[in-house]
PDB file of N, CA and C in Angstrom:
ATOM      1  N   UNK A   1     -26.292  47.090 -12.406  1.00  0.00           N
ATOM      2  CA  UNK A   1     -26.749  45.957 -11.767  1.00  0.00           C
ATOM      3  C   UNK A   1     -25.522  45.198 -11.209  1.00  0.00           C
ATOM      4  N   UNK A   2     -25.532  44.981  -9.890  1.00  0.00           N
ATOM      5  CA  UNK A   2     -24.441  44.443  -9.184  1.00  0.00           C
ATOM      6  C   UNK A   2     -24.488  42.832  -9.295  1.00  0.00           C
ATOM      7  N   UNK A   3     -23.380  42.211  -9.551  1.00  0.00           N
ATOM      8  CA  UNK A   3     -23.395  40.653  -9.543  1.00  0.00           C
ATOM      9  C   UNK A   3     -22.646  40.222  -8.340  1.00  0.00           C
ATOM     10  N   UNK A   4     -23.080  39.121  -7.821  1.00  0.00           N
ATOM     11  CA  UNK A   4     -22.358  38.550  -6.676  1.00  0.00           C
ATOM     12  C   UNK A   4     -21.676  37.252  -7.114  1.00  0.00           C
ATOM     13  N   UNK A   5     -20.533  36.996  -6.623  1.00  0.00           N
ATOM     14  CA  UNK A   5     -19.762  35.828  -6.940  1.00  0.00           C
ATOM     15  C   UNK A   5     -20.316  34.684  -6.074  1.00  0.00           C
ATOM     16  N   UNK A   6     -20.587  33.486  -6.657  1.00  0.00           N
ATOM     17  CA  UNK A   6     -20.992  32.440  -5.783  1.00  0.00           C
ATOM     18  C   UNK A   6     -19.719  31.703  -5.235  1.00  0.00           C
ATOM     19  N   UNK A   7     -19.719  31.383  -4.010  1.00  0.00           N
ATOM     20  CA  UNK A   7     -18.637  30.641  -3.437  1.00  0.00           C
ATOM     21  C   UNK A   7     -18.913  29.200  -3.466  1.00  0.00           C
ATOM     22  N   UNK A   8     -17.824  28.381  -3.810  1.00  0.00           N
ATOM     23  CA  UNK A   8     -17.974  26.962  -3.920  1.00  0.00           C
ATOM     24  C   UNK A   8     -18.076  26.350  -2.423  1.00  0.00           C
ATOM     25  N   UNK A   9     -18.935  25.294  -2.418  1.00  0.00           N
ATOM     26  CA  UNK A   9     -18.989  24.635  -1.121  1.00  0.00           C
ATOM     27  C   UNK A   9     -18.008  23.606  -0.893  1.00  0.00           C
ATOM     28  N   UNK A  10     -17.273  23.141  -2.079  1.00  0.00           N
ATOM     29  CA  UNK A  10     -16.347  22.171  -1.925  1.00  0.00           C
ATOM     30  C   UNK A  10     -14.947  22.722  -1.703  1.00  0.00           C
ATOM     31  N   UNK A  11     -14.231  22.169  -0.794  1.00  0.00           N
ATOM     32  CA  UNK A  11     -12.959  22.784  -0.426  1.00  0.00           C
ATOM     33  C   UNK A  11     -11.951  22.603  -1.643  1.00  0.00           C
ATOM     34  N   UNK A  12     -10.967  23.480  -1.611  1.00  0.00           N
ATOM     35  CA  UNK A  12     -10.000  23.482  -2.689  1.00  0.00           C
ATOM     36  C   UNK A  12      -9.149  22.199  -2.396  1.00  0.00           C
ATOM     37  N   UNK A  13      -8.631  21.685  -3.600  1.00  0.00           N
ATOM     38  CA  UNK A  13      -7.783  20.498  -3.326  1.00  0.00           C
ATOM     39  C   UNK A  13      -6.488  20.841  -2.546  1.00  0.00           C
ATOM     40  N   UNK A  14      -6.052  20.024  -1.606  1.00  0.00           N
ATOM     41  CA  UNK A  14      -4.944  20.269  -0.813  1.00  0.00           C
ATOM     42  C   UNK A  14      -3.682  20.116  -1.602  1.00  0.00           C
ATOM     43  N   UNK A  15      -2.772  21.016  -1.622  1.00  0.00           N
ATOM     44  CA  UNK A  15      -1.498  20.951  -2.383  1.00  0.00           C
ATOM     45  C   UNK A  15      -0.575  20.163  -1.468  1.00  0.00           C
ATOM     46  N   UNK A  16       0.130  19.227  -2.154  1.00  0.00           N
ATOM     47  CA  UNK A  16       1.168  18.517  -1.520  1.00  0.00           C
ATOM     48  C   UNK A  16       2.469  18.991  -1.978  1.00  0.00           C
ATOM     49  N   UNK A  17       3.416  19.317  -0.991  1.00  0.00           N
ATOM     50  CA  UNK A  17       4.681  19.708  -1.404  1.00  0.00           C
ATOM     51  C   UNK A  17       5.521  18.601  -1.924  1.00  0.00           C
ATOM     52  N   UNK A  18       6.142  18.653  -3.075  1.00  0.00           N
ATOM     53  CA  UNK A  18       6.936  17.638  -3.663  1.00  0.00           C
ATOM     54  C   UNK A  18       8.266  18.202  -3.757  1.00  0.00           C
ATOM     55  N   UNK A  19       9.197  17.581  -2.953  1.00  0.00           N
ATOM     56  CA  UNK A  19      10.514  18.063  -2.937  1.00  0.00           C
ATOM     57  C   UNK A  19      11.621  17.040  -3.338  1.00  0.00           C
ATOM     58  N   UNK A  20      11.139  15.818  -3.620  1.00  0.00           N
ATOM     59  CA  UNK A  20      11.944  14.694  -3.884  1.00  0.00           C
ATOM     60  C   UNK A  20      12.100  14.496  -5.387  1.00  0.00           C
ATOM     61  N   UNK A  21      13.333  14.557  -5.889  1.00  0.00           N
ATOM     62  CA  UNK A  21      13.463  14.191  -7.318  1.00  0.00           C
ATOM     63  C   UNK A  21      14.136  12.877  -7.499  1.00  0.00           C
ATOM     64  N   UNK A  22      13.750  12.241  -8.594  1.00  0.00           N
ATOM     65  CA  UNK A  22      14.466  10.988  -8.955  1.00  0.00           C
ATOM     66  C   UNK A  22      14.759  11.099 -10.535  1.00  0.00           C
ATOM     67  N   UNK A  23      15.831  10.487 -10.928  1.00  0.00           N
ATOM     68  CA  UNK A  23      16.226  10.513 -12.280  1.00  0.00           C
ATOM     69  C   UNK A  23      16.165   9.026 -12.798  1.00  0.00           C
ATOM     70  N   UNK A  24      15.537   8.762 -13.883  1.00  0.00           N
ATOM     71  CA  UNK A  24      15.400   7.467 -14.394  1.00  0.00           C
ATOM     72  C   UNK A  24      15.843   7.436 -15.786  1.00  0.00           C
ATOM     73  N   UNK A  25      16.305   6.253 -16.226  1.00  0.00           N
ATOM     74  CA  UNK A  25      16.639   6.026 -17.742  1.00  0.00           C
ATOM     75  C   UNK A  25      15.615   5.132 -18.243  1.00  0.00           C
ATOM     76  N   UNK A  26      15.135   5.450 -19.481  1.00  0.00           N
ATOM     77  CA  UNK A  26      14.076   4.692 -20.077  1.00  0.00           C
ATOM     78  C   UNK A  26      14.700   4.113 -21.458  1.00  0.00           C
ATOM     79  N   UNK A  27      14.165   2.952 -21.848  1.00  0.00           N
ATOM     80  CA  UNK A  27      14.535   2.459 -23.210  1.00  0.00           C
ATOM     81  C   UNK A  27      13.658   3.353 -24.107  1.00  0.00           C
ATOM     82  N   UNK A  28      14.097   3.299 -25.401  1.00  0.00           N
ATOM     83  CA  UNK A  28      13.433   4.054 -26.400  1.00  0.00           C
ATOM     84  C   UNK A  28      11.902   3.568 -26.432  1.00  0.00           C
ATOM     85  N   UNK A  29      11.697   2.225 -26.259  1.00  0.00           N
ATOM     86  CA  UNK A  29      10.387   1.798 -26.417  1.00  0.00           C
ATOM     87  C   UNK A  29       9.459   2.178 -25.266  1.00  0.00           C
ATOM     88  N   UNK A  30      10.023   2.136 -24.021  1.00  0.00           N
ATOM     89  CA  UNK A  30       9.312   2.574 -22.910  1.00  0.00           C
ATOM     90  C   UNK A  30       8.969   4.158 -23.013  1.00  0.00           C
ATOM     91  N   UNK A  31      10.009   4.850 -23.469  1.00  0.00           N
ATOM     92  CA  UNK A  31       9.776   6.311 -23.658  1.00  0.00           C
ATOM     93  C   UNK A  31       8.635   6.587 -24.577  1.00  0.00           C
ATOM     94  N   UNK A  32       8.677   5.813 -25.749  1.00  0.00           N
ATOM     95  CA  UNK A  32       7.586   6.083 -26.638  1.00  0.00           C
ATOM     96  C   UNK A  32       6.238   5.711 -26.090  1.00  0.00           C
ATOM     97  N   UNK A  33       6.226   4.623 -25.326  1.00  0.00           N
ATOM     98  CA  UNK A  33       4.941   4.096 -24.705  1.00  0.00           C
ATOM     99  C   UNK A  33       4.440   5.294 -23.653  1.00  0.00           C
ATOM    100  N   UNK A  34       5.458   5.813 -22.921  1.00  0.00           N
ATOM    101  CA  UNK A  34       5.065   6.899 -21.999  1.00  0.00           C
ATOM    102  C   UNK A  34       4.516   8.153 -22.734  1.00  0.00           C
ATOM    103  N   UNK A  35       5.165   8.488 -23.869  1.00  0.00           N
ATOM    104  CA  UNK A  35       4.743   9.601 -24.558  1.00  0.00           C
ATOM    105  C   UNK A  35       3.214   9.422 -25.127  1.00  0.00           C
ATOM    106  N   UNK A  36       3.048   8.118 -25.587  1.00  0.00           N
ATOM    107  CA  UNK A  36       1.681   7.869 -26.151  1.00  0.00           C
ATOM    108  C   UNK A  36       0.674   8.007 -24.947  1.00  0.00           C
ATOM    109  N   UNK A  37       1.028   7.467 -23.770  1.00  0.00           N
ATOM    110  CA  UNK A  37       0.109   7.696 -22.694  1.00  0.00           C
ATOM    111  C   UNK A  37      -0.251   9.065 -22.297  1.00  0.00           C
ATOM    112  N   UNK A  38       0.806   9.927 -22.324  1.00  0.00           N
ATOM    113  CA  UNK A  38       0.666  11.351 -22.052  1.00  0.00           C
ATOM    114  C   UNK A  38      -0.228  11.946 -23.015  1.00  0.00           C
ATOM    115  N   UNK A  39       0.015  11.608 -24.359  1.00  0.00           N
ATOM    116  CA  UNK A  39      -0.826  12.172 -25.395  1.00  0.00           C
ATOM    117  C   UNK A  39      -2.295  11.818 -25.263  1.00  0.00           C
ATOM    118  N   UNK A  40      -2.640  10.604 -25.005  1.00  0.00           N
ATOM    119  CA  UNK A  40      -3.967  10.107 -24.977  1.00  0.00           C
ATOM    120  C   UNK A  40      -4.755  10.355 -23.715  1.00  0.00           C
ATOM    121  N   UNK A  41      -3.956  10.540 -22.590  1.00  0.00           N
ATOM    122  CA  UNK A  41      -4.574  10.912 -21.356  1.00  0.00           C
ATOM    123  C   UNK A  41      -4.639  12.317 -20.880  1.00  0.00           C
ATOM    124  N   UNK A  42      -3.820  13.198 -21.544  1.00  0.00           N
ATOM    125  CA  UNK A  42      -3.811  14.554 -21.304  1.00  0.00           C
ATOM    126  C   UNK A  42      -3.103  14.857 -19.924  1.00  0.00           C
ATOM    127  N   UNK A  43      -2.483  13.895 -19.357  1.00  0.00           N
ATOM    128  CA  UNK A  43      -1.816  14.027 -18.074  1.00  0.00           C
ATOM    129  C   UNK A  43      -0.349  14.240 -18.286  1.00  0.00           C
ATOM    130  N   UNK A  44       0.419  14.636 -17.360  1.00  0.00           N
ATOM    131  CA  UNK A  44       1.794  14.905 -17.458  1.00  0.00           C
ATOM    132  C   UNK A  44       2.592  13.549 -17.254  1.00  0.00           C
ATOM    133  N   UNK A  45       3.891  13.561 -17.606  1.00  0.00           N
ATOM    134  CA  UNK A  45       4.720  12.453 -17.330  1.00  0.00           C
ATOM    135  C   UNK A  45       4.839  12.146 -15.982  1.00  0.00           C
ATOM    136  N   UNK A  46       4.930  13.339 -15.108  1.00  0.00           N
ATOM    137  CA  UNK A  46       5.113  13.216 -13.658  1.00  0.00           C
ATOM    138  C   UNK A  46       3.898  12.675 -13.044  1.00  0.00           C
ATOM    139  N   UNK A  47       2.707  12.986 -13.543  1.00  0.00           N
ATOM    140  CA  UNK A  47       1.494  12.421 -12.924  1.00  0.00           C
ATOM    141  C   UNK A  47       1.395  10.886 -13.267  1.00  0.00           C
ATOM    142  N   UNK A  48       1.690  10.452 -14.504  1.00  0.00           N
ATOM    143  CA  UNK A  48       1.646   9.105 -14.814  1.00  0.00           C
ATOM    144  C   UNK A  48       2.744   8.271 -14.112  1.00  0.00           C
ATOM    145  N   UNK A  49       3.886   8.795 -13.965  1.00  0.00           N
ATOM    146  CA  UNK A  49       4.924   8.095 -13.280  1.00  0.00           C
ATOM    147  C   UNK A  49       4.704   7.894 -11.852  1.00  0.00           C
ATOM    148  N   UNK A  50       4.284   8.995 -11.141  1.00  0.00           N
ATOM    149  CA  UNK A  50       4.105   8.950  -9.732  1.00  0.00           C
ATOM    150  C   UNK A  50       2.890   8.068  -9.398  1.00  0.00           C
ATOM    151  N   UNK A  51       1.818   8.062 -10.222  1.00  0.00           N
ATOM    152  CA  UNK A  51       0.715   7.135  -9.913  1.00  0.00           C
ATOM    153  C   UNK A  51       1.169   5.737 -10.181  1.00  0.00           C
ATOM    154  N   UNK A  52       2.023   5.410 -11.224  1.00  0.00           N
ATOM    155  CA  UNK A  52       2.464   4.124 -11.345  1.00  0.00           C
ATOM    156  C   UNK A  52       3.278   3.607 -10.156  1.00  0.00           C
ATOM    157  N   UNK A  53       4.154   4.550  -9.692  1.00  0.00           N
ATOM    158  CA  UNK A  53       4.934   4.213  -8.537  1.00  0.00           C
ATOM    159  C   UNK A  53       4.051   3.962  -7.315  1.00  0.00           C
ATOM    160  N   UNK A  54       3.152   4.796  -7.059  1.00  0.00           N
ATOM    161  CA  UNK A  54       2.202   4.578  -5.927  1.00  0.00           C
ATOM    162  C   UNK A  54       1.450   3.291  -5.954  1.00  0.00           C
ATOM    163  N   UNK A  55       0.955   3.017  -7.153  1.00  0.00           N
ATOM    164  CA  UNK A  55       0.168   1.733  -7.316  1.00  0.00           C
ATOM    165  C   UNK A  55       1.017   0.461  -7.163  1.00  0.00           C
ATOM    166  N   UNK A  56       2.364   0.457  -7.689  1.00  0.00           N
ATOM    167  CA  UNK A  56       3.113  -0.581  -7.588  1.00  0.00           C
ATOM    168  C   UNK A  56       3.615  -0.755  -6.045  1.00  0.00           C
ATOM    169  N   UNK A  57       3.894   0.327  -5.378  1.00  0.00           N
ATOM    170  CA  UNK A  57       4.343   0.291  -4.048  1.00  0.00           C
ATOM    171  C   UNK A  57       3.189  -0.299  -3.146  1.00  0.00           C
ATOM    172  N   UNK A  58       1.987   0.236  -3.335  1.00  0.00           N
ATOM    173  CA  UNK A  58       0.749  -0.234  -2.659  1.00  0.00           C
ATOM    174  C   UNK A  58       0.632  -1.813  -2.822  1.00  0.00           C
ATOM    175  N   UNK A  59       0.862  -2.262  -4.038  1.00  0.00           N
ATOM    176  CA  UNK A  59       0.691  -3.713  -4.307  1.00  0.00           C
ATOM    177  C   UNK A  59       1.710  -4.521  -3.586  1.00  0.00           C
ATOM    178  N   UNK A  60       3.002  -4.081  -3.624  1.00  0.00           N
ATOM    179  CA  UNK A  60       4.048  -4.733  -2.951  1.00  0.00           C
ATOM    180  C   UNK A  60       3.747  -4.709  -1.381  1.00  0.00           C
ATOM    181  N   UNK A  61       3.451  -3.669  -0.855  1.00  0.00           N
ATOM    182  CA  UNK A  61       3.159  -3.651   0.605  1.00  0.00           C
ATOM    183  C   UNK A  61       1.948  -4.561   0.940  1.00  0.00           C
ATOM    184  N   UNK A  62       0.876  -4.497   0.158  1.00  0.00           N
ATOM    185  CA  UNK A  62      -0.302  -5.335   0.374  1.00  0.00           C
ATOM    186  C   UNK A  62       0.129  -6.792   0.304  1.00  0.00           C
ATOM    187  N   UNK A  63       0.949  -7.235  -0.631  1.00  0.00           N
ATOM    188  CA  UNK A  63       1.417  -8.525  -0.731  1.00  0.00           C
ATOM    189  C   UNK A  63       2.080  -9.019   0.627  1.00  0.00           C
ATOM    190  N   UNK A  64       2.852  -8.054   1.252  1.00  0.00           N
ATOM    191  CA  UNK A  64       3.512  -8.477   2.436  1.00  0.00           C
ATOM    192  C   UNK A  64       2.609  -8.554   3.686  1.00  0.00           C
ATOM    193  N   UNK A  65       1.511  -7.940   3.523  1.00  0.00           N
ATOM    194  CA  UNK A  65       0.480  -7.871   4.717  1.00  0.00           C
ATOM    195  C   UNK A  65      -0.702  -8.725   4.645  1.00  0.00           C
ATOM    196  N   UNK A  66      -1.016  -9.115   3.431  1.00  0.00           N
ATOM    197  CA  UNK A  66      -2.184  -9.919   3.259  1.00  0.00           C
ATOM    198  C   UNK A  66      -1.832 -11.362   3.136  1.00  0.00           C
ATOM    199  N   UNK A  67      -2.431 -12.264   3.840  1.00  0.00           N
ATOM    200  CA  UNK A  67      -2.312 -13.628   3.808  1.00  0.00           C
ATOM    201  C   UNK A  67      -3.437 -14.337   3.000  1.00  0.00           C
ATOM    202  N   UNK A  68      -3.036 -14.905   1.915  1.00  0.00           N
ATOM    203  CA  UNK A  68      -4.131 -15.530   1.150  1.00  0.00           C
ATOM    204  C   UNK A  68      -4.036 -17.088   1.306  1.00  0.00           C
ATOM    205  N   UNK A  69      -5.203 -17.643   1.679  1.00  0.00           N
ATOM    206  CA  UNK A  69      -5.134 -19.057   1.982  1.00  0.00           C
ATOM    207  C   UNK A  69      -6.144 -19.809   1.098  1.00  0.00           C
ATOM    208  N   UNK A  70      -5.724 -21.039   0.732  1.00  0.00           N
ATOM    209  CA  UNK A  70      -6.650 -21.945   0.020  1.00  0.00           C
ATOM    210  C   UNK A  70      -7.740 -22.254   0.953  1.00  0.00           C
ATOM    211  N   UNK A  71      -8.956 -22.817   0.459  1.00  0.00           N
ATOM    212  CA  UNK A  71      -9.955 -23.216   1.383  1.00  0.00           C
ATOM    213  C   UNK A  71      -9.501 -24.251   2.337  1.00  0.00           C
ATOM    214  N   UNK A  72      -8.673 -25.224   1.868  1.00  0.00           N
ATOM    215  CA  UNK A  72      -8.209 -26.282   2.692  1.00  0.00           C
ATOM    216  C   UNK A  72      -7.255 -25.694   3.917  1.00  0.00           C
ATOM    217  N   UNK A  73      -6.435 -24.721   3.516  1.00  0.00           N
ATOM    218  CA  UNK A  73      -5.559 -24.103   4.463  1.00  0.00           C
ATOM    219  C   UNK A  73      -6.400 -23.201   5.474  1.00  0.00           C
ATOM    220  N   UNK A  74      -7.448 -22.519   5.027  1.00  0.00           N
ATOM    221  CA  UNK A  74      -8.325 -21.815   5.854  1.00  0.00           C
ATOM    222  C   UNK A  74      -8.992 -22.689   6.892  1.00  0.00           C
ATOM    223  N   UNK A  75      -9.462 -23.845   6.419  1.00  0.00           N
ATOM    224  CA  UNK A  75     -10.114 -24.723   7.278  1.00  0.00           C
ATOM    225  C   UNK A  75      -9.244 -25.282   8.415  1.00  0.00           C
ATOM    226  N   UNK A  76      -7.845 -25.606   8.029  1.00  0.00           N
ATOM    227  CA  UNK A  76      -6.992 -26.064   8.982  1.00  0.00           C
ATOM    228  C   UNK A  76      -6.691 -24.965   9.982  1.00  0.00           C
ATOM    229  N   UNK A  77      -6.449 -23.645   9.526  1.00  0.00           N
ATOM    230  CA  UNK A  77      -6.213 -22.583  10.490  1.00  0.00           C
ATOM    231  C   UNK A  77      -7.403 -22.352  11.395  1.00  0.00           C
ATOM    232  N   UNK A  78      -8.585 -22.433  10.897  1.00  0.00           N
ATOM    233  CA  UNK A  78      -9.742 -22.199  11.814  1.00  0.00           C
ATOM    234  C   UNK A  78      -9.919 -23.384  12.759  1.00  0.00           C
ATOM    235  N   UNK A  79      -9.485 -24.507  12.399  1.00  0.00           N
ATOM    236  CA  UNK A  79      -9.629 -25.691  13.313  1.00  0.00           C
ATOM    237  C   UNK A  79      -8.556 -25.566  14.374  1.00  0.00           C
ATOM    238  N   UNK A  80      -7.383 -25.135  13.964  1.00  0.00           N
ATOM    239  CA  UNK A  80      -6.279 -24.895  15.017  1.00  0.00           C
ATOM    240  C   UNK A  80      -6.706 -23.831  15.970  1.00  0.00           C
ATOM    241  N   UNK A  81      -7.285 -22.779  15.574  1.00  0.00           N
ATOM    242  CA  UNK A  81      -7.698 -21.705  16.381  1.00  0.00           C
ATOM    243  C   UNK A  81      -8.842 -22.076  17.270  1.00  0.00           C
ATOM    244  N   UNK A  82      -9.770 -22.978  16.766  1.00  0.00           N
ATOM    245  CA  UNK A  82     -10.817 -23.495  17.653  1.00  0.00           C
ATOM    246  C   UNK A  82     -10.424 -24.355  18.621  1.00  0.00           C
ATOM    247  N   UNK A  83      -9.432 -25.147  18.452  1.00  0.00           N
ATOM    248  CA  UNK A  83      -8.934 -26.105  19.491  1.00  0.00           C
ATOM    249  C   UNK A  83      -7.444 -26.180  19.375  1.00  0.00           C
ATOM    250  N   UNK A  84      -6.837 -25.204  19.919  1.00  0.00           N
ATOM    251  CA  UNK A  84      -5.321 -25.261  19.878  1.00  0.00           C
ATOM    252  C   UNK A  84      -4.677 -26.365  20.826  1.00  0.00           C
ATOM    253  N   UNK A  85      -3.532 -26.832  20.345  1.00  0.00           N
ATOM    254  CA  UNK A  85      -2.892 -27.918  21.233  1.00  0.00           C
ATOM    255  C   UNK A  85      -2.367 -27.296  22.534  1.00  0.00           C
ATOM    256  N   UNK A  86      -2.177 -28.151  23.485  1.00  0.00           N
ATOM    257  CA  UNK A  86      -1.592 -27.711  24.758  1.00  0.00           C
ATOM    258  C   UNK A  86      -0.108 -27.187  24.511  1.00  0.00           C
ATOM    259  N   UNK A  87       0.200 -26.188  25.149  1.00  0.00           N
ATOM    260  CA  UNK A  87       1.545 -25.634  24.903  1.00  0.00           C
ATOM    261  C   UNK A  87       2.678 -26.554  25.393  1.00  0.00           C
ATOM    262  N   UNK A  88       3.615 -26.723  24.586  1.00  0.00           N
ATOM    263  CA  UNK A  88       4.769 -27.714  24.944  1.00  0.00           C
ATOM    264  C   UNK A  88       5.855 -26.912  25.685  1.00  0.00           C
ATOM    265  N   UNK A  89       6.919 -27.573  26.131  1.00  0.00           N
ATOM    266  CA  UNK A  89       7.877 -26.850  26.898  1.00  0.00           C
ATOM    267  C   UNK A  89       8.537 -25.732  26.089  1.00  0.00           C
ATOM    268  N   UNK A  90       8.816 -25.805  24.847  1.00  0.00           N
ATOM    269  CA  UNK A  90       9.474 -24.801  24.040  1.00  0.00           C
ATOM    270  C   UNK A  90       8.516 -23.639  24.042  1.00  0.00           C
ATOM    271  N   UNK A  91       7.237 -23.753  23.999  1.00  0.00           N
ATOM    272  CA  UNK A  91       6.288 -22.721  23.839  1.00  0.00           C
ATOM    273  C   UNK A  91       6.338 -21.989  25.252  1.00  0.00           C
ATOM    274  N   UNK A  92       6.339 -22.685  26.316  1.00  0.00           N
ATOM    275  CA  UNK A  92       6.329 -22.139  27.730  1.00  0.00           C
ATOM    276  C   UNK A  92       7.573 -21.339  27.920  1.00  0.00           C
ATOM    277  N   UNK A  93       8.745 -21.764  27.454  1.00  0.00           N
ATOM    278  CA  UNK A  93       9.974 -20.966  27.508  1.00  0.00           C
ATOM    279  C   UNK A  93       9.944 -19.737  26.621  1.00  0.00           C
ATOM    280  N   UNK A  94       9.338 -19.884  25.622  1.00  0.00           N
ATOM    281  CA  UNK A  94       9.154 -18.722  24.632  1.00  0.00           C
ATOM    282  C   UNK A  94       8.335 -17.596  25.211  1.00  0.00           C
ATOM    283  N   UNK A  95       7.264 -18.035  25.896  1.00  0.00           N
ATOM    284  CA  UNK A  95       6.299 -17.115  26.507  1.00  0.00           C
ATOM    285  C   UNK A  95       7.028 -16.440  27.821  1.00  0.00           C
ATOM    286  N   UNK A  96       7.766 -17.247  28.413  1.00  0.00           N
ATOM    287  CA  UNK A  96       8.404 -16.604  29.612  1.00  0.00           C
ATOM    288  C   UNK A  96       9.440 -15.673  29.217  1.00  0.00           C
ATOM    289  N   UNK A  97      10.231 -15.956  28.147  1.00  0.00           N
ATOM    290  CA  UNK A  97      11.125 -15.002  27.615  1.00  0.00           C
ATOM    291  C   UNK A  97      10.527 -13.736  27.101  1.00  0.00           C
ATOM    292  N   UNK A  98       9.435 -13.902  26.471  1.00  0.00           N
ATOM    293  CA  UNK A  98       8.638 -12.716  25.936  1.00  0.00           C
ATOM    294  C   UNK A  98       8.229 -11.872  27.060  1.00  0.00           C
ATOM    295  N   UNK A  99       7.766 -12.362  28.147  1.00  0.00           N
ATOM    296  CA  UNK A  99       7.334 -11.656  29.280  1.00  0.00           C
ATOM    297  C   UNK A  99       8.600 -10.910  29.975  1.00  0.00           C
ATOM    298  N   UNK A 100       9.731 -11.639  30.015  1.00  0.00           N
ATOM    299  CA  UNK A 100      10.884 -11.053  30.589  1.00  0.00           C
ATOM    300  C   UNK A 100      11.282  -9.846  29.791  1.00  0.00           C
ATOM    301  N   UNK A 101      11.165  -9.806  28.520  1.00  0.00           N
ATOM    302  CA  UNK A 101      11.636  -8.802  27.695  1.00  0.00           C
ATOM    303  C   UNK A 101      10.750  -7.656  27.645  1.00  0.00           C
ATOM    304  N   UNK A 102       9.538  -7.688  28.311  1.00  0.00           N
ATOM    305  CA  UNK A 102       8.748  -6.493  28.366  1.00  0.00           C
ATOM    306  C   UNK A 102       7.545  -6.572  27.399  1.00  0.00           C
ATOM    307  N   UNK A 103       6.780  -7.656  27.536  1.00  0.00           N
ATOM    308  CA  UNK A 103       5.518  -7.785  26.822  1.00  0.00           C
ATOM    309  C   UNK A 103       4.542  -6.737  27.206  1.00  0.00           C
ATOM    310  N   UNK A 104       3.683  -6.316  26.239  1.00  0.00           N
ATOM    311  CA  UNK A 104       2.771  -5.221  26.568  1.00  0.00           C
ATOM    312  C   UNK A 104       1.664  -5.663  27.471  1.00  0.00           C
ATOM    313  N   UNK A 105       1.626  -7.076  27.670  1.00  0.00           N
ATOM    314  CA  UNK A 105       0.497  -7.586  28.607  1.00  0.00           C
ATOM    315  C   UNK A 105       0.899  -7.632  30.015  1.00  0.00           C
TER     316      UNK A 105
END
């Protein structure tokens, strides 16, 4: 009797080439904590460390790109956007210089 192999409909995970190495020094306490995490998670040190680096990098980048406002500050921003003041002379000079330097508009 012949058997046929079933083919998976999900694509194989994409392999990412990892060619960057870093060396780090850990305290004995942090090393022990890492070893415990490896033991309980079943993951490698590399997996845990790279995930931690990626998470922290994302957090830092997000903090630089996300503006968090209090309710009072949000109300002030929305009010300023709804009825902006007339441009003063400094603003006119700034816009003129921006245009001279090659604005995309």
